[in-house]
Amino acid sequence: MRRTAREAVLKALYRGEFLPGSMEEALGEEKRRIGDRDWPFASALLTGVRDHRDELDRLIHLRAEGWGIDRLPLVDRNILRLGVYELLHTDTPGEVVINEAVELAKAYGSEHAPAVVNGILDRLWKEKKGGHAA
């Protein structure tokens, strides 16, 4: 299930905050739980977030009104990175990306994470649909 893949990627991203070389290893430890069908999806998400991190952080920072990227809790920041990457660089429908990110925020994020994640991703999705996401 893709939700399981997203959870595993989130855990790998979080682990990477403390042990930078360990993201792929952390994801690999979850391979059995992710399953063969969703493994390519999970691997692509992790690689994409890692490779586009500066761009993702810039996009989040510009839309996190009153909250610079550095002020966001680590888990919330990584949920947003994952959501922004998936929204802009995959063919997953925007509604699905936002819903899945909000569910991750409810399960793992701070108290305000669901609202913050929903607000930023919704704003970015509307900009993307209007041709203005930059």
N, C-alpha and C. Protein backbone atom coordinates (compact mmCIF):
# COMPACT_ATOMS: atom_id res chain seq x y z
N MET A 1 0.85 -1.19 0.00
CA MET A 1 0.00 0.00 0.00
C MET A 1 0.89 1.24 0.00
N ARG A 2 0.52 2.22 -0.79
CA ARG A 2 1.35 3.42 -0.91
C ARG A 2 1.45 4.20 0.39
N ARG A 3 0.44 4.12 1.25
CA ARG A 3 0.53 4.81 2.54
C ARG A 3 1.69 4.25 3.35
N THR A 4 1.85 2.94 3.33
CA THR A 4 2.96 2.30 4.02
C THR A 4 4.29 2.77 3.42
N ALA A 5 4.34 2.90 2.11
CA ALA A 5 5.55 3.38 1.46
C ALA A 5 5.87 4.81 1.90
N ARG A 6 4.84 5.65 1.95
CA ARG A 6 5.07 7.04 2.39
C ARG A 6 5.54 7.09 3.84
N GLU A 7 4.95 6.27 4.69
CA GLU A 7 5.39 6.23 6.09
C GLU A 7 6.85 5.82 6.19
N ALA A 8 7.25 4.82 5.43
CA ALA A 8 8.63 4.36 5.44
C ALA A 8 9.58 5.44 4.94
N VAL A 9 9.18 6.17 3.90
CA VAL A 9 10.01 7.26 3.38
C VAL A 9 10.12 8.36 4.43
N LEU A 10 9.02 8.69 5.08
CA LEU A 10 9.06 9.71 6.14
C LEU A 10 10.04 9.31 7.24
N LYS A 11 9.99 8.06 7.67
CA LYS A 11 10.90 7.59 8.71
C LYS A 11 12.35 7.66 8.24
N ALA A 12 12.59 7.32 6.98
CA ALA A 12 13.95 7.39 6.43
C ALA A 12 14.44 8.83 6.36
N LEU A 13 13.56 9.75 5.96
CA LEU A 13 13.94 11.17 5.91
C LEU A 13 14.26 11.69 7.31
N TYR A 14 13.46 11.31 8.26
CA TYR A 14 13.69 11.74 9.64
C TYR A 14 15.02 11.20 10.15
N ARG A 15 15.27 9.93 9.90
CA ARG A 15 16.55 9.34 10.31
C ARG A 15 17.71 10.05 9.64
N GLY A 16 17.52 10.45 8.40
CA GLY A 16 18.56 11.16 7.67
C GLY A 16 18.91 12.52 8.25
N GLU A 17 18.02 13.09 9.05
CA GLU A 17 18.31 14.36 9.72
C GLU A 17 19.45 14.19 10.73
N PHE A 18 19.58 12.99 11.27
CA PHE A 18 20.57 12.74 12.32
C PHE A 18 21.76 11.93 11.82
N LEU A 19 21.50 11.06 10.85
CA LEU A 19 22.53 10.20 10.28
C LEU A 19 22.43 10.30 8.77
N PRO A 20 23.01 11.34 8.17
CA PRO A 20 22.78 11.65 6.76
C PRO A 20 22.96 10.50 5.77
N GLY A 21 23.90 9.62 5.98
CA GLY A 21 24.11 8.55 5.02
C GLY A 21 23.19 7.37 5.16
N SER A 22 22.25 7.46 6.07
CA SER A 22 21.47 6.27 6.42
C SER A 22 20.06 6.22 5.83
N MET A 23 19.68 7.18 5.02
CA MET A 23 18.30 7.20 4.52
C MET A 23 17.98 5.96 3.70
N GLU A 24 18.84 5.62 2.76
CA GLU A 24 18.58 4.46 1.91
C GLU A 24 18.58 3.18 2.75
N GLU A 25 19.50 3.11 3.72
CA GLU A 25 19.55 1.94 4.60
C GLU A 25 18.25 1.82 5.39
N ALA A 26 17.77 2.94 5.92
CA ALA A 26 16.53 2.94 6.69
C ALA A 26 15.36 2.49 5.83
N LEU A 27 15.30 2.97 4.60
CA LEU A 27 14.22 2.55 3.71
C LEU A 27 14.35 1.07 3.38
N GLY A 28 15.57 0.62 3.15
CA GLY A 28 15.79 -0.80 2.86
C GLY A 28 15.31 -1.71 3.97
N GLU A 29 15.42 -1.25 5.21
CA GLU A 29 14.95 -2.03 6.35
C GLU A 29 13.43 -2.20 6.33
N GLU A 30 12.75 -1.34 5.59
CA GLU A 30 11.29 -1.39 5.50
C GLU A 30 10.79 -2.08 4.23
N LYS A 31 11.72 -2.59 3.43
CA LYS A 31 11.34 -3.13 2.12
C LYS A 31 10.28 -4.23 2.21
N ARG A 32 10.42 -5.12 3.16
CA ARG A 32 9.45 -6.21 3.28
C ARG A 32 8.05 -5.65 3.58
N ARG A 33 8.00 -4.66 4.48
CA ARG A 33 6.71 -4.07 4.86
C ARG A 33 6.11 -3.29 3.68
N ILE A 34 6.96 -2.64 2.90
CA ILE A 34 6.47 -1.86 1.75
C ILE A 34 5.92 -2.78 0.68
N GLY A 35 6.64 -3.85 0.40
CA GLY A 35 6.20 -4.80 -0.62
C GLY A 35 6.81 -4.50 -1.98
N ASP A 36 6.90 -5.53 -2.78
CA ASP A 36 7.53 -5.41 -4.10
C ASP A 36 6.80 -4.43 -5.02
N ARG A 37 5.48 -4.40 -4.92
CA ARG A 37 4.70 -3.55 -5.82
C ARG A 37 4.98 -2.06 -5.59
N ASP A 38 5.10 -1.66 -4.31
CA ASP A 38 5.28 -0.24 -4.00
C ASP A 38 6.73 0.16 -3.74
N TRP A 39 7.66 -0.81 -3.79
CA TRP A 39 9.06 -0.49 -3.54
C TRP A 39 9.61 0.56 -4.52
N PRO A 40 9.37 0.43 -5.84
CA PRO A 40 9.88 1.46 -6.76
C PRO A 40 9.34 2.86 -6.43
N PHE A 41 8.07 2.93 -6.03
CA PHE A 41 7.46 4.21 -5.65
C PHE A 41 8.18 4.80 -4.44
N ALA A 42 8.38 3.99 -3.40
CA ALA A 42 9.05 4.46 -2.19
C ALA A 42 10.47 4.90 -2.47
N SER A 43 11.18 4.10 -3.23
CA SER A 43 12.57 4.42 -3.56
C SER A 43 12.66 5.72 -4.36
N ALA A 44 11.76 5.89 -5.32
CA ALA A 44 11.74 7.12 -6.12
C ALA A 44 11.39 8.34 -5.27
N LEU A 45 10.47 8.19 -4.33
CA LEU A 45 10.13 9.32 -3.44
C LEU A 45 11.34 9.74 -2.61
N LEU A 46 12.01 8.76 -2.01
CA LEU A 46 13.16 9.09 -1.18
C LEU A 46 14.25 9.77 -2.00
N THR A 47 14.56 9.21 -3.15
CA THR A 47 15.59 9.80 -4.01
C THR A 47 15.18 11.20 -4.46
N GLY A 48 13.93 11.35 -4.83
CA GLY A 48 13.45 12.65 -5.29
C GLY A 48 13.51 13.72 -4.21
N VAL A 49 13.06 13.39 -3.01
CA VAL A 49 13.10 14.36 -1.92
C VAL A 49 14.55 14.72 -1.60
N ARG A 50 15.41 13.71 -1.56
CA ARG A 50 16.83 13.96 -1.27
C ARG A 50 17.45 14.86 -2.35
N ASP A 51 17.21 14.55 -3.61
CA ASP A 51 17.82 15.29 -4.71
C ASP A 51 17.26 16.69 -4.91
N HIS A 52 16.02 16.92 -4.48
CA HIS A 52 15.36 18.21 -4.69
C HIS A 52 15.18 18.99 -3.38
N ARG A 53 15.89 18.60 -2.35
CA ARG A 53 15.67 19.17 -1.01
C ARG A 53 15.74 20.70 -0.99
N ASP A 54 16.72 21.28 -1.63
CA ASP A 54 16.84 22.75 -1.61
C ASP A 54 15.63 23.41 -2.26
N GLU A 55 15.20 22.88 -3.40
CA GLU A 55 14.02 23.42 -4.09
C GLU A 55 12.78 23.25 -3.20
N LEU A 56 12.62 22.09 -2.61
CA LEU A 56 11.45 21.83 -1.76
C LEU A 56 11.43 22.77 -0.56
N ASP A 57 12.58 22.94 0.08
CA ASP A 57 12.65 23.83 1.24
C ASP A 57 12.33 25.27 0.85
N ARG A 58 12.78 25.69 -0.32
CA ARG A 58 12.48 27.05 -0.78
C ARG A 58 10.98 27.23 -1.00
N LEU A 59 10.36 26.26 -1.64
CA LEU A 59 8.93 26.33 -1.90
C LEU A 59 8.12 26.33 -0.60
N ILE A 60 8.53 25.52 0.35
CA ILE A 60 7.85 25.47 1.64
C ILE A 60 8.05 26.79 2.37
N HIS A 61 9.27 27.29 2.41
CA HIS A 61 9.58 28.53 3.12
C HIS A 61 8.73 29.70 2.59
N LEU A 62 8.58 29.76 1.27
CA LEU A 62 7.81 30.86 0.66
C LEU A 62 6.33 30.80 1.00
N ARG A 63 5.83 29.63 1.37
CA ARG A 63 4.40 29.47 1.64
C ARG A 63 4.08 29.26 3.12
N ALA A 64 5.10 29.15 3.94
CA ALA A 64 4.91 28.93 5.38
C ALA A 64 4.82 30.27 6.09
N GLU A 65 3.76 30.98 5.83
CA GLU A 65 3.58 32.34 6.34
C GLU A 65 3.85 32.43 7.84
N GLY A 66 4.87 33.21 8.18
CA GLY A 66 5.22 33.39 9.58
C GLY A 66 6.02 32.25 10.17
N TRP A 67 6.23 31.20 9.39
CA TRP A 67 7.00 30.04 9.85
C TRP A 67 8.07 29.75 8.83
N GLY A 68 9.28 30.17 9.09
CA GLY A 68 10.37 29.81 8.20
C GLY A 68 10.57 28.31 8.26
N ILE A 69 11.17 27.76 7.24
CA ILE A 69 11.40 26.32 7.18
C ILE A 69 12.14 25.83 8.42
N ASP A 70 13.04 26.65 8.95
CA ASP A 70 13.83 26.25 10.12
C ASP A 70 13.00 26.23 11.41
N ARG A 71 11.87 26.89 11.42
CA ARG A 71 11.02 26.90 12.62
C ARG A 71 10.05 25.74 12.68
N LEU A 72 9.89 25.05 11.56
CA LEU A 72 8.98 23.90 11.53
C LEU A 72 9.64 22.71 12.23
N PRO A 73 8.90 21.97 13.03
CA PRO A 73 9.46 20.76 13.64
C PRO A 73 9.96 19.81 12.55
N LEU A 74 10.99 19.03 12.86
CA LEU A 74 11.62 18.15 11.87
C LEU A 74 10.64 17.21 11.18
N VAL A 75 9.76 16.60 11.92
CA VAL A 75 8.81 15.67 11.30
C VAL A 75 7.88 16.43 10.36
N ASP A 76 7.36 17.56 10.81
CA ASP A 76 6.46 18.35 9.97
C ASP A 76 7.17 18.78 8.68
N ARG A 77 8.41 19.20 8.82
CA ARG A 77 9.21 19.64 7.67
C ARG A 77 9.36 18.50 6.67
N ASN A 78 9.63 17.31 7.16
CA ASN A 78 9.81 16.18 6.26
C ASN A 78 8.51 15.71 5.64
N ILE A 79 7.41 15.82 6.35
CA ILE A 79 6.10 15.53 5.76
C ILE A 79 5.84 16.50 4.60
N LEU A 80 6.15 17.76 4.83
CA LEU A 80 5.96 18.75 3.77
C LEU A 80 6.89 18.50 2.59
N ARG A 81 8.14 18.18 2.84
CA ARG A 81 9.06 17.88 1.74
C ARG A 81 8.52 16.74 0.89
N LEU A 82 8.07 15.71 1.56
CA LEU A 82 7.53 14.54 0.88
C LEU A 82 6.30 14.93 0.06
N GLY A 83 5.39 15.68 0.67
CA GLY A 83 4.17 16.09 -0.02
C GLY A 83 4.44 17.02 -1.20
N VAL A 84 5.32 17.99 -1.00
CA VAL A 84 5.63 18.93 -2.09
C VAL A 84 6.28 18.19 -3.25
N TYR A 85 7.22 17.30 -2.93
CA TYR A 85 7.85 16.53 -4.00
C TYR A 85 6.81 15.72 -4.77
N GLU A 86 5.98 15.00 -4.05
CA GLU A 86 5.00 14.15 -4.71
C GLU A 86 4.01 14.99 -5.53
N LEU A 87 3.63 16.13 -5.01
CA LEU A 87 2.69 17.01 -5.70
C LEU A 87 3.27 17.54 -7.01
N LEU A 88 4.53 17.92 -7.00
CA LEU A 88 5.13 18.57 -8.16
C LEU A 88 5.86 17.63 -9.12
N HIS A 89 6.28 16.47 -8.65
CA HIS A 89 7.14 15.62 -9.48
C HIS A 89 6.60 14.23 -9.76
N THR A 90 5.35 13.96 -9.38
CA THR A 90 4.76 12.66 -9.70
C THR A 90 3.39 12.90 -10.32
N ASP A 91 2.79 11.81 -10.78
CA ASP A 91 1.45 11.93 -11.37
C ASP A 91 0.34 11.60 -10.37
N THR A 92 0.69 11.52 -9.08
CA THR A 92 -0.33 11.28 -8.06
C THR A 92 -1.28 12.48 -8.02
N PRO A 93 -2.59 12.26 -8.06
CA PRO A 93 -3.53 13.38 -8.01
C PRO A 93 -3.32 14.25 -6.77
N GLY A 94 -3.45 15.55 -6.94
CA GLY A 94 -3.23 16.50 -5.85
C GLY A 94 -4.06 16.21 -4.61
N GLU A 95 -5.31 15.83 -4.81
CA GLU A 95 -6.18 15.53 -3.66
C GLU A 95 -5.63 14.37 -2.85
N VAL A 96 -5.08 13.39 -3.54
CA VAL A 96 -4.51 12.21 -2.86
C VAL A 96 -3.25 12.61 -2.10
N VAL A 97 -2.39 13.39 -2.74
CA VAL A 97 -1.15 13.83 -2.09
C VAL A 97 -1.48 14.59 -0.80
N ILE A 98 -2.39 15.53 -0.89
CA ILE A 98 -2.74 16.35 0.28
C ILE A 98 -3.35 15.48 1.37
N ASN A 99 -4.28 14.62 1.01
CA ASN A 99 -4.92 13.75 2.00
C ASN A 99 -3.89 12.85 2.69
N GLU A 100 -3.01 12.25 1.92
CA GLU A 100 -2.01 11.35 2.50
C GLU A 100 -1.04 12.12 3.40
N ALA A 101 -0.64 13.31 3.00
CA ALA A 101 0.26 14.11 3.83
C ALA A 101 -0.41 14.53 5.13
N VAL A 102 -1.67 14.90 5.05
CA VAL A 102 -2.41 15.28 6.27
C VAL A 102 -2.54 14.07 7.19
N GLU A 103 -2.78 12.90 6.64
CA GLU A 103 -2.86 11.69 7.48
C GLU A 103 -1.52 11.41 8.15
N LEU A 104 -0.42 11.59 7.43
CA LEU A 104 0.90 11.43 8.04
C LEU A 104 1.09 12.46 9.16
N ALA A 105 0.63 13.69 8.91
CA ALA A 105 0.76 14.74 9.91
C ALA A 105 -0.05 14.42 11.16
N LYS A 106 -1.22 13.85 10.99
CA LYS A 106 -2.05 13.46 12.14
C LYS A 106 -1.36 12.36 12.95
N ALA A 107 -0.75 11.42 12.25
CA ALA A 107 -0.14 10.28 12.92
C ALA A 107 1.22 10.59 13.53
N TYR A 108 2.01 11.45 12.88
CA TYR A 108 3.40 11.63 13.29
C TYR A 108 3.80 13.07 13.61
N GLY A 109 3.02 14.02 13.15
CA GLY A 109 3.42 15.42 13.26
C GLY A 109 3.06 16.06 14.58
N SER A 110 3.40 17.33 14.66
CA SER A 110 3.09 18.12 15.84
C SER A 110 1.58 18.42 15.90
N GLU A 111 1.17 19.05 16.95
CA GLU A 111 -0.25 19.36 17.15
C GLU A 111 -0.84 20.15 16.00
N HIS A 112 -0.08 21.09 15.47
CA HIS A 112 -0.58 21.97 14.40
C HIS A 112 -0.24 21.45 13.01
N ALA A 113 0.47 20.35 12.93
CA ALA A 113 0.94 19.85 11.64
C ALA A 113 -0.18 19.61 10.62
N PRO A 114 -1.29 18.98 10.98
CA PRO A 114 -2.30 18.74 9.94
C PRO A 114 -2.78 20.02 9.25
N ALA A 115 -3.01 21.07 10.02
CA ALA A 115 -3.46 22.33 9.43
C ALA A 115 -2.36 22.99 8.60
N VAL A 116 -1.14 22.97 9.10
CA VAL A 116 -0.02 23.59 8.38
C VAL A 116 0.24 22.84 7.08
N VAL A 117 0.29 21.52 7.15
CA VAL A 117 0.53 20.70 5.96
C VAL A 117 -0.59 20.91 4.94
N ASN A 118 -1.82 20.87 5.39
CA ASN A 118 -2.95 21.08 4.49
C ASN A 118 -2.88 22.45 3.83
N GLY A 119 -2.61 23.48 4.61
CA GLY A 119 -2.58 24.84 4.07
C GLY A 119 -1.50 25.04 3.03
N ILE A 120 -0.30 24.59 3.32
CA ILE A 120 0.82 24.79 2.39
C ILE A 120 0.63 23.96 1.12
N LEU A 121 0.27 22.70 1.27
CA LEU A 121 0.10 21.86 0.08
C LEU A 121 -1.09 22.31 -0.76
N ASP A 122 -2.17 22.72 -0.12
CA ASP A 122 -3.34 23.20 -0.87
C ASP A 122 -2.98 24.45 -1.66
N ARG A 123 -2.26 25.36 -1.05
CA ARG A 123 -1.84 26.59 -1.73
C ARG A 123 -0.96 26.25 -2.92
N LEU A 124 0.00 25.36 -2.72
CA LEU A 124 0.91 24.99 -3.80
C LEU A 124 0.17 24.27 -4.92
N TRP A 125 -0.76 23.40 -4.57
CA TRP A 125 -1.52 22.67 -5.58
C TRP A 125 -2.35 23.65 -6.42
N LYS A 126 -3.00 24.61 -5.79
CA LYS A 126 -3.78 25.60 -6.54
C LYS A 126 -2.87 26.43 -7.45
N GLU A 127 -1.68 26.77 -6.96
CA GLU A 127 -0.72 27.50 -7.80
C GLU A 127 -0.30 26.65 -9.00
N LYS A 128 -0.07 25.37 -8.75
CA LYS A 128 0.34 24.46 -9.83
C LYS A 128 -0.77 24.36 -10.88
N LYS A 129 -2.00 24.21 -10.43
CA LYS A 129 -3.13 24.13 -11.37
C LYS A 129 -3.27 25.41 -12.17
N GLY A 130 -2.95 26.54 -11.54
CA GLY A 130 -3.03 27.81 -12.23
C GLY A 130 -1.79 28.16 -13.02
N GLY A 131 -0.78 27.28 -12.96
CA GLY A 131 0.46 27.51 -13.70
C GLY A 131 1.41 28.46 -13.03
N HIS A 132 1.32 28.64 -11.69
CA HIS A 132 2.15 29.63 -11.00
C HIS A 132 3.07 29.04 -9.94
N ALA A 133 3.22 27.74 -9.83
CA ALA A 133 4.04 27.14 -8.75
C ALA A 133 5.52 27.36 -9.03
N ALA A 134 6.11 28.27 -8.28
CA ALA A 134 7.55 28.50 -8.42
C ALA A 134 8.13 29.01 -7.13
